[in-house]
Amino acid sequence: MNIDPSTTKYLIQARLEAEGIVEKPDVVGAVFGQTEGLLGEELDLRDLQKSGRIGRIEVDVQSKKGRSEGTILIPSSLDQVETSILAAALETIDRVGPCKATIKVDKVEDTRVTKRNKIIERARSLLSSMVEESKTSGSDLLDEVRQSVQVSEIVSFGAERLPAGPNVADSDAIIIVEGRQDVLNLLRSGIKNAIAVEGTNVPKTIQELSKERALTAFVDGDRGGDLILKELLQVAEVDFIARAPRGKEVEELTQKQIMKCLRNKIPADQYVEMYGLSGQVYKAESEFPEPKPASGPQPRAEPRPEFRPEPREPREPREERPLVPLAPTTKVLNPKLEKYRDILLQLGGSSTARLLDEGDGVVTEVPVRELVDTLKNAKQTRAVVFDGIITQRILDIASEMNMHSIVGTKMGTITKQPAGVEVWTRSDLAP
């Protein structure tokens, strides 16, 4: 039923029963006719309806088996007292048309209360929806904006259109990761010089980049990471190696974990020595070849310091002896070098390093993988003996810390020999 909302404060709901067949005009006529003059001029229904204080009377009547039943709805904008009087007056109607009838008022409903309850329910629903949306949007707003910018920053690099950060084309150092998600995770951490190999088959673009840039391999801490790393070492010039924690992937790491892994990267030649991968490493044509057994003296890649040992004399019977036991009578060394030789023998195969003070006393002993970070803060250290490869990075730090001697198993690729730092390898101290 259509009720005019502008005239409705209360709604009179009544039930009609008539002993005969009646229709809607009969009911409306009975309501107006039998209440006329009953309530006085102030509550005359015709005048109230003309002034809009009483709305349109709605009647729904149904006839069955010679009887009629229905409902009567009268909207009212009168006050509570006047509306109650009008409702009570309806029950005085005893005939509708030619039929005897009774009208019973079921209730007088305050429509404002009904509307208020609907408003409360709807407001509660809207508020719940707002709160739920605000939780999501508020907590994820920064991440969503940052991620949208980072996704827009990712580019395709090289002929293979590899996923890469925007700085790969111009950066002197690049980071090699496994896939697109790894590049995106590094972008979220602010690292824009990463490029993905997209599988274990290393693209030609990566191989060419490794010849011109400083390349860091950042691989997952699982078997897939091992396979990609072996492939990279065989076909590209890898300078540094960083790994995710065991069992984790680069795309899962937080910003703090990513930064920690990259800070703890180790030189590739040192990694190869530590894990026995020397036979699987790519060698560029410009690099010095591995030493080969020969009777003559071997060329060195850098100038030797003043304590370089004397050339060996030809010795027929002694050349068949193994080189591992260092007999004190086979080569004349000063006491300092003899001590370095003894320490190097003690450390053989342990991948550890000993830091010595000015008097060659042991300051501390650390794993080789922690040597670079330890040297940066080793103010009392003047010499280092370690079971590993001497790299350019270690020599540079030794020069900065005013150290006088570095002793290792063999030399890596050295481009600049720092002045004032003596460098010794196992072959220099062997008999």
Protein backbone atom coordinates (compact mmCIF):
# COMPACT_ATOMS: atom_id res chain seq x y z
CA MET A 1 0.00 0.00 0.00
CA ASN A 2 1.16 3.54 -0.79
CA ILE A 3 1.26 5.76 2.28
CA ASP A 4 2.10 9.46 1.90
CA PRO A 5 5.21 9.93 4.07
CA SER A 6 4.69 13.70 4.40
CA THR A 7 1.43 13.24 6.36
CA THR A 8 2.29 10.18 8.40
CA LYS A 9 3.24 10.25 12.05
CA TYR A 10 0.99 7.39 13.10
CA LEU A 11 -0.65 4.55 11.23
CA ILE A 12 -4.03 3.18 12.37
CA GLN A 13 -4.34 -0.50 11.51
CA ALA A 14 -7.82 -2.05 11.82
CA ARG A 15 -9.42 -5.36 10.79
CA LEU A 16 -12.85 -5.55 9.08
CA GLU A 17 -15.31 -8.46 9.11
CA ALA A 18 -18.65 -8.22 7.25
CA GLU A 19 -21.48 -10.72 6.88
CA GLY A 20 -21.83 -10.37 3.15
CA ILE A 21 -19.93 -9.24 0.13
CA VAL A 22 -18.62 -5.67 0.36
CA GLU A 23 -16.10 -3.73 -1.69
CA LYS A 24 -13.58 -0.96 -1.01
CA PRO A 25 -15.95 2.01 -1.80
CA ASP A 26 -18.47 0.56 0.65
CA VAL A 27 -15.90 0.48 3.43
CA VAL A 28 -14.60 4.02 2.74
CA GLY A 29 -18.13 5.36 2.59
CA ALA A 30 -19.01 3.72 5.91
CA VAL A 31 -15.93 5.21 7.57
CA PHE A 32 -16.77 8.74 6.45
CA GLY A 33 -20.53 8.44 6.84
CA GLN A 34 -20.77 6.82 10.28
CA THR A 35 -18.10 9.05 11.90
CA GLU A 36 -19.49 12.30 10.44
CA GLY A 37 -20.62 14.61 13.28
CA LEU A 38 -19.52 12.04 15.86
CA LEU A 39 -16.20 13.68 16.80
CA GLY A 40 -17.05 17.33 16.28
CA GLU A 41 -15.85 19.78 13.69
CA GLU A 42 -12.19 19.58 14.76
CA LEU A 43 -11.99 15.86 14.01
CA ASP A 44 -14.24 15.69 10.97
CA LEU A 45 -12.57 13.20 8.65
CA ARG A 46 -13.43 15.07 5.44
CA ASP A 47 -11.92 18.32 6.72
CA LEU A 48 -8.87 16.52 8.12
CA GLN A 49 -8.26 14.83 4.78
CA LYS A 50 -8.65 18.08 2.86
CA SER A 51 -6.11 19.78 5.13
CA GLY A 52 -3.70 16.84 4.76
CA ARG A 53 -3.78 15.85 8.42
CA ILE A 54 -5.33 12.51 7.49
CA GLY A 55 -3.92 10.61 4.56
CA ARG A 56 -5.62 8.46 1.97
CA ILE A 57 -7.60 5.61 3.54
CA GLU A 58 -6.35 2.28 2.22
CA VAL A 59 -8.67 -0.75 2.25
CA ASP A 60 -7.88 -4.34 1.28
CA VAL A 61 -11.05 -6.55 1.23
CA GLN A 62 -11.40 -10.16 0.18
CA SER A 63 -14.68 -12.11 -0.07
CA LYS A 64 -15.05 -15.83 0.55
CA LYS A 65 -18.14 -17.99 1.09
CA GLY A 66 -20.46 -15.00 1.40
CA ARG A 67 -18.30 -13.20 3.96
CA SER A 68 -15.81 -10.38 3.59
CA GLU A 69 -12.64 -9.76 5.53
CA GLY A 70 -9.97 -7.13 5.13
CA THR A 71 -7.70 -4.49 6.62
CA ILE A 72 -8.06 -0.75 6.93
CA LEU A 73 -5.03 1.57 7.11
CA ILE A 74 -5.39 5.26 7.97
CA PRO A 75 -2.24 7.42 8.10
CA SER A 76 -2.40 10.32 10.52
CA SER A 77 -0.34 13.43 11.24
CA LEU A 78 -2.47 14.34 14.27
CA ASP A 79 -1.04 14.15 17.76
CA GLN A 80 -1.26 11.00 19.88
CA VAL A 81 -4.54 11.94 21.62
CA GLU A 82 -6.38 12.92 18.44
CA THR A 83 -5.15 9.84 16.60
CA SER A 84 -6.28 7.57 19.44
CA ILE A 85 -9.76 9.17 19.41
CA LEU A 86 -10.04 8.70 15.68
CA ALA A 87 -8.98 5.07 15.98
CA ALA A 88 -11.55 4.40 18.71
CA ALA A 89 -14.25 6.01 16.54
CA LEU A 90 -13.68 3.38 13.85
CA GLU A 91 -14.88 0.64 16.18
CA THR A 92 -18.34 2.31 16.35
CA ILE A 93 -19.03 1.37 12.72
CA ASP A 94 -21.52 -1.53 12.66
CA ARG A 95 -22.63 -1.65 9.00
CA VAL A 96 -20.83 -1.52 5.71
CA GLY A 97 -23.18 -1.05 2.78
CA PRO A 98 -26.16 -3.42 3.29
CA CYS A 99 -24.16 -5.82 5.46
CA LYS A 100 -23.63 -6.04 9.16
CA ALA A 101 -19.98 -5.51 10.00
CA THR A 102 -17.48 -5.08 12.83
CA ILE A 103 -14.19 -3.16 12.84
CA LYS A 104 -11.46 -3.91 15.39
CA VAL A 105 -8.37 -1.69 15.72
CA ASP A 106 -5.28 -3.90 15.94
CA LYS A 107 -2.79 -1.17 16.77
CA VAL A 108 -1.74 2.42 16.28
CA GLU A 109 1.83 2.37 15.07
CA ASP A 110 4.25 5.24 15.52
CA THR A 111 5.84 5.29 12.07
CA ARG A 112 8.74 7.44 13.31
CA VAL A 113 9.82 4.67 15.68
CA THR A 114 9.72 2.18 12.81
CA LYS A 115 11.74 4.51 10.63
CA ARG A 116 14.19 5.12 13.47
CA ASN A 117 14.72 1.38 13.91
CA LYS A 118 15.32 1.01 10.19
CA ILE A 119 17.77 3.91 10.30
CA ILE A 120 19.66 2.30 13.20
CA GLU A 121 19.90 -1.05 11.45
CA ARG A 122 21.04 0.49 8.19
CA ALA A 123 23.49 2.80 9.94
CA ARG A 124 24.97 -0.18 11.82
CA SER A 125 25.41 -2.04 8.55
CA LEU A 126 27.03 0.96 6.86
CA LEU A 127 29.33 1.60 9.83
CA SER A 128 30.49 -2.02 9.90
CA SER A 129 31.28 -1.84 6.21
CA MET A 130 33.18 1.45 6.67
CA VAL A 131 35.21 0.12 9.60
CA GLU A 132 36.14 -3.04 7.70
CA GLU A 133 37.21 -1.09 4.64
CA SER A 134 39.15 1.47 6.68
CA LYS A 135 41.14 -1.31 8.39
CA THR A 136 42.22 -2.72 5.06
CA SER A 137 42.86 0.56 3.29
CA GLY A 138 44.57 2.18 6.27
CA SER A 139 47.03 -0.64 6.91
CA ASP A 140 47.79 -1.37 3.28
CA LEU A 141 47.71 2.14 1.83
CA LEU A 142 51.47 2.72 1.93
CA ASP A 143 52.25 -0.79 0.71
CA GLU A 144 49.76 -0.56 -2.15
CA VAL A 145 51.08 2.81 -3.32
CA ARG A 146 54.70 1.70 -2.99
CA GLN A 147 54.03 -1.59 -4.76
CA SER A 148 52.22 0.12 -7.65
CA VAL A 149 55.19 2.43 -8.14
CA GLN A 150 57.66 -0.45 -7.90
CA VAL A 151 55.76 -2.59 -10.40
CA SER A 152 55.73 0.35 -12.81
CA GLU A 153 59.51 0.70 -12.35
CA ILE A 154 60.36 -2.85 -13.45
CA VAL A 155 61.76 -2.96 -16.99
CA SER A 156 62.69 -5.56 -19.61
CA PHE A 157 66.44 -5.72 -20.28
CA GLY A 158 68.45 -7.25 -23.11
CA ALA A 159 67.50 -9.34 -26.09
CA GLU A 160 65.83 -11.92 -23.80
CA ARG A 161 63.71 -9.13 -22.18
CA LEU A 162 64.76 -10.15 -18.67
CA PRO A 163 62.90 -8.58 -15.70
CA ALA A 164 65.19 -5.96 -14.17
CA GLY A 165 65.29 -2.85 -12.01
CA PRO A 166 65.47 0.57 -13.71
CA ASN A 167 69.13 1.13 -12.74
CA VAL A 168 70.60 -2.00 -14.36
CA ALA A 169 71.49 -0.20 -17.58
CA ASP A 170 73.61 2.46 -15.82
CA SER A 171 74.87 0.80 -12.63
CA ASP A 172 78.49 -0.38 -12.33
CA ALA A 173 77.39 -3.22 -10.07
CA ILE A 174 74.40 -5.49 -10.63
CA ILE A 175 72.69 -8.21 -8.60
CA ILE A 176 71.67 -11.46 -10.29
CA VAL A 177 68.51 -13.12 -8.88
CA GLU A 178 66.39 -16.04 -10.01
CA GLY A 179 63.00 -14.65 -11.14
CA ARG A 180 60.68 -11.67 -11.55
CA GLN A 181 59.29 -11.92 -8.00
CA ASP A 182 62.83 -11.64 -6.62
CA VAL A 183 63.36 -8.43 -8.62
CA LEU A 184 60.07 -7.03 -7.28
CA ASN A 185 61.00 -7.88 -3.69
CA LEU A 186 64.34 -6.10 -4.07
CA LEU A 187 62.53 -3.10 -5.58
CA ARG A 188 60.32 -3.00 -2.48
CA SER A 189 63.52 -2.71 -0.45
CA GLY A 190 64.82 0.13 -2.61
CA ILE A 191 67.32 -1.97 -4.62
CA LYS A 192 66.96 -1.05 -8.30
CA ASN A 193 69.98 -2.74 -9.91
CA ALA A 194 68.76 -6.36 -9.86
CA ILE A 195 68.13 -8.54 -12.92
CA ALA A 196 66.60 -12.04 -13.13
CA VAL A 197 68.05 -15.01 -15.03
CA GLU A 198 64.56 -16.62 -15.34
CA GLY A 199 65.74 -20.22 -14.94
CA THR A 200 68.92 -22.28 -14.71
CA ASN A 201 69.91 -21.57 -18.32
CA VAL A 202 71.87 -18.32 -17.90
CA PRO A 203 71.03 -15.91 -20.78
CA LYS A 204 73.68 -14.39 -23.02
CA THR A 205 72.82 -10.94 -21.69
CA ILE A 206 73.95 -11.95 -18.19
CA GLN A 207 77.19 -13.41 -19.53
CA GLU A 208 78.00 -10.18 -21.37
CA LEU A 209 77.12 -8.00 -18.37
CA SER A 210 79.45 -10.02 -16.14
CA LYS A 211 82.42 -9.01 -18.29
CA GLU A 212 81.75 -5.29 -17.80
CA ARG A 213 80.11 -4.94 -14.38
CA ALA A 214 80.76 -6.10 -10.82
CA LEU A 215 78.33 -9.01 -10.53
CA THR A 216 76.80 -10.28 -7.27
CA ALA A 217 74.86 -13.55 -7.41
CA PHE A 218 71.99 -13.44 -4.87
CA VAL A 219 70.44 -16.92 -4.87
CA ASP A 220 67.82 -18.84 -2.88
CA GLY A 221 68.82 -20.97 0.08
CA ASP A 222 67.64 -24.21 -1.50
CA ARG A 223 68.73 -26.73 -4.14
CA GLY A 224 67.43 -24.49 -6.91
CA GLY A 225 69.79 -21.78 -5.68
CA ASP A 226 72.69 -24.26 -5.76
CA LEU A 227 71.95 -25.18 -9.39
CA ILE A 228 71.69 -21.58 -10.57
CA LEU A 229 74.89 -20.65 -8.72
CA LYS A 230 76.83 -23.53 -10.35
CA GLU A 231 75.55 -22.49 -13.76
CA LEU A 232 76.52 -18.85 -13.14
CA LEU A 233 80.01 -19.82 -11.99
CA GLN A 234 80.55 -21.86 -15.14
CA VAL A 235 79.42 -19.31 -17.75
CA ALA A 236 79.82 -15.86 -16.18
CA GLU A 237 82.39 -13.85 -14.25
CA VAL A 238 80.83 -13.73 -10.78
CA ASP A 239 82.55 -11.33 -8.34
CA PHE A 240 80.51 -11.85 -5.16
CA ILE A 241 78.04 -14.41 -3.84
CA ALA A 242 75.16 -13.78 -1.41
CA ARG A 243 72.66 -16.41 -0.32
CA ALA A 244 69.26 -16.34 1.33
CA PRO A 245 68.99 -18.18 4.68
CA ARG A 246 68.80 -21.94 4.33
CA GLY A 247 65.32 -23.04 3.20
CA LYS A 248 64.17 -19.53 2.22
CA GLU A 249 63.77 -17.80 -1.13
CA VAL A 250 64.78 -14.26 -2.02
CA GLU A 251 61.19 -13.30 -2.81
CA GLU A 252 60.16 -14.21 0.79
CA LEU A 253 62.78 -12.11 2.59
CA THR A 254 62.06 -8.90 4.48
CA GLN A 255 63.99 -5.73 3.79
CA LYS A 256 66.16 -6.30 6.87
CA GLN A 257 66.99 -9.88 5.79
CA ILE A 258 67.84 -8.74 2.25
CA MET A 259 70.23 -6.06 3.50
CA LYS A 260 71.87 -8.49 5.91
CA CYS A 261 72.43 -11.10 3.18
CA LEU A 262 73.97 -8.52 0.82
CA ARG A 263 76.22 -7.14 3.58
CA ASN A 264 77.47 -10.67 4.27
CA LYS A 265 78.32 -11.45 0.64
CA ILE A 266 81.73 -13.03 0.10
CA PRO A 267 84.10 -12.91 -2.87
CA ALA A 268 83.35 -15.58 -5.44
CA ASP A 269 86.88 -16.99 -5.50
CA GLN A 270 86.82 -17.33 -1.72
CA TYR A 271 83.42 -19.06 -1.91
CA VAL A 272 84.76 -21.45 -4.54
CA GLU A 273 87.75 -22.31 -2.34
CA MET A 274 85.55 -22.86 0.72
CA TYR A 275 83.09 -25.20 -1.02
CA GLY A 276 85.48 -26.99 -3.37
CA LEU A 277 84.10 -25.68 -6.66
CA SER A 278 87.44 -24.78 -8.25
CA GLY A 279 86.93 -27.12 -11.20
CA GLN A 280 83.58 -25.58 -12.11
CA VAL A 281 84.47 -21.88 -12.39
CA TYR A 282 84.42 -19.78 -15.54
CA LYS A 283 87.79 -18.25 -16.48
CA ALA A 284 87.98 -15.22 -18.74
CA GLU A 285 90.78 -14.99 -21.27
CA SER A 286 92.21 -11.95 -19.49
CA GLU A 287 92.61 -13.81 -16.19
CA PHE A 288 95.78 -15.58 -15.20
CA PRO A 289 95.62 -19.37 -15.61
CA GLU A 290 95.83 -21.74 -12.69
CA PRO A 291 99.41 -22.74 -11.79
CA LYS A 292 100.52 -25.98 -13.49
CA PRO A 293 103.19 -28.39 -12.20
CA ALA A 294 106.54 -27.53 -13.81
CA SER A 295 110.21 -27.70 -12.95
CA GLY A 296 110.91 -24.05 -13.78
CA PRO A 297 109.80 -21.01 -11.76
CA GLN A 298 106.15 -19.89 -12.23
CA PRO A 299 105.28 -16.30 -13.29
CA ARG A 300 103.61 -14.11 -10.66
CA ALA A 301 100.69 -11.77 -11.27
CA GLU A 302 102.07 -9.07 -8.95
CA PRO A 303 105.47 -7.75 -7.76
CA ARG A 304 106.85 -9.69 -4.82
CA PRO A 305 107.91 -7.99 -1.57
CA GLU A 306 111.47 -7.70 -0.32
CA PHE A 307 111.29 -10.98 1.62
CA ARG A 308 110.85 -13.05 -1.50
CA PRO A 309 112.63 -16.40 -1.01
CA GLU A 310 115.69 -17.41 -2.99
CA PRO A 311 115.28 -19.54 -6.16
CA ARG A 312 115.45 -23.24 -5.57
CA GLU A 313 118.61 -25.17 -6.26
CA PRO A 314 118.31 -28.32 -8.42
CA ARG A 315 118.00 -31.28 -6.12
CA GLU A 316 117.72 -34.63 -7.79
CA PRO A 317 116.59 -36.88 -4.95
CA ARG A 318 114.45 -34.34 -3.00
CA GLU A 319 112.11 -33.39 -5.83
CA GLU A 320 110.20 -36.67 -5.38
CA ARG A 321 109.30 -35.85 -1.77
CA PRO A 322 105.80 -34.53 -1.02
CA LEU A 323 105.58 -30.76 -0.48
CA VAL A 324 103.18 -30.87 2.48
CA PRO A 325 105.74 -31.57 5.27
CA LEU A 326 107.81 -28.38 5.58
CA ALA A 327 111.29 -29.42 6.67
CA PRO A 328 113.10 -26.56 8.41
CA THR A 329 116.35 -27.31 6.56
CA THR A 330 114.96 -27.16 3.01
CA LYS A 331 114.52 -23.40 2.86
CA VAL A 332 116.08 -20.67 4.98
CA LEU A 333 113.33 -18.29 6.24
CA ASN A 334 113.51 -15.57 8.81
CA PRO A 335 111.72 -16.29 12.13
CA LYS A 336 108.69 -14.24 11.20
CA LEU A 337 108.03 -16.17 7.98
CA GLU A 338 108.67 -19.47 9.75
CA LYS A 339 105.95 -18.59 12.25
CA TYR A 340 103.55 -17.65 9.43
CA ARG A 341 104.33 -20.99 7.73
CA ASP A 342 103.60 -22.92 10.92
CA ILE A 343 100.31 -21.10 11.48
CA LEU A 344 99.26 -21.69 7.86
CA LEU A 345 99.97 -25.43 8.26
CA GLN A 346 97.88 -25.52 11.45
CA LEU A 347 94.97 -23.84 9.68
CA GLY A 348 95.09 -26.12 6.61
CA GLY A 349 91.59 -27.20 5.55
CA SER A 350 89.84 -25.34 8.41
CA SER A 351 88.71 -22.22 6.46
CA THR A 352 89.67 -20.05 9.42
CA ALA A 353 91.87 -16.99 9.89
CA ARG A 354 94.14 -15.80 12.68
CA LEU A 355 94.66 -12.09 13.29
CA LEU A 356 98.08 -11.19 14.75
CA ASP A 357 99.24 -8.07 16.59
CA GLU A 358 102.51 -6.14 16.20
CA GLY A 359 104.44 -8.85 18.05
CA ASP A 360 102.80 -11.64 16.02
CA GLY A 361 100.68 -12.67 18.97
CA VAL A 362 97.23 -14.08 18.16
CA VAL A 363 94.51 -11.45 18.66
CA THR A 364 91.56 -13.57 17.54
CA GLU A 365 90.55 -16.45 15.27
CA VAL A 366 87.50 -16.19 12.98
CA PRO A 367 85.94 -18.11 10.05
CA VAL A 368 87.20 -16.97 6.65
CA ARG A 369 83.69 -15.90 5.62
CA GLU A 370 83.73 -13.32 8.44
CA LEU A 371 87.26 -12.10 7.73
CA VAL A 372 86.34 -9.00 5.70
CA ASP A 373 83.92 -7.65 8.32
CA THR A 374 86.30 -8.48 11.17
CA LEU A 375 89.27 -6.70 9.55
CA LYS A 376 87.30 -3.46 9.26
CA ASN A 377 87.25 -3.14 13.07
CA ALA A 378 90.54 -4.89 13.93
CA LYS A 379 92.55 -1.88 15.12
CA GLN A 380 95.24 -3.95 16.86
CA THR A 381 95.79 -6.35 13.93
CA ARG A 382 99.04 -5.99 11.97
CA ALA A 383 99.14 -9.35 10.16
CA VAL A 384 96.63 -11.99 9.00
CA VAL A 385 97.22 -15.68 8.28
CA PHE A 386 94.19 -17.51 6.85
CA ASP A 387 93.19 -20.65 4.99
CA GLY A 388 91.70 -18.96 1.95
CA ILE A 389 92.33 -16.95 -1.21
CA ILE A 390 93.90 -13.50 -0.97
CA THR A 391 91.53 -11.08 -2.72
CA GLN A 392 91.78 -7.44 -3.73
CA ARG A 393 89.21 -6.52 -1.09
CA ILE A 394 91.27 -8.04 1.72
CA LEU A 395 94.43 -6.24 0.53
CA ASP A 396 92.59 -2.90 0.34
CA ILE A 397 91.29 -3.25 3.92
CA ALA A 398 94.76 -4.33 5.13
CA SER A 399 96.25 -1.19 3.60
CA GLU A 400 93.57 1.01 5.22
CA MET A 401 94.21 -0.59 8.64
CA ASN A 402 98.04 -0.18 8.31
CA MET A 403 98.75 -3.93 8.35
CA HIS A 404 102.17 -5.16 7.22
CA SER A 405 101.57 -8.82 6.22
CA ILE A 406 98.87 -10.96 4.61
CA VAL A 407 99.39 -14.73 4.34
CA GLY A 408 96.94 -17.02 2.50
CA THR A 409 96.79 -20.25 0.53
CA LYS A 410 97.03 -18.56 -2.88
CA MET A 411 96.44 -15.31 -4.74
CA GLY A 412 93.17 -14.31 -6.36
CA THR A 413 92.88 -11.77 -9.18
CA ILE A 414 94.77 -8.72 -7.89
CA THR A 415 94.62 -5.52 -9.91
CA LYS A 416 96.56 -3.29 -7.50
CA GLN A 417 99.18 -4.26 -4.93
CA PRO A 418 98.97 -1.88 -1.93
CA ALA A 419 102.30 -0.37 -0.89
CA GLY A 420 103.60 -1.42 2.51
CA VAL A 421 101.66 -4.71 2.65
CA GLU A 422 103.73 -7.91 2.28
CA VAL A 423 101.83 -10.77 0.64
CA TRP A 424 102.77 -14.44 1.09
CA THR A 425 101.13 -17.61 -0.18
CA ARG A 426 101.59 -21.27 0.66
CA SER A 427 103.83 -21.80 -2.37
CA ASP A 428 106.12 -18.96 -1.19
CA LEU A 429 106.62 -20.58 2.20
CA ALA A 430 106.88 -24.19 0.97
CA PRO A 431 110.30 -25.89 0.95
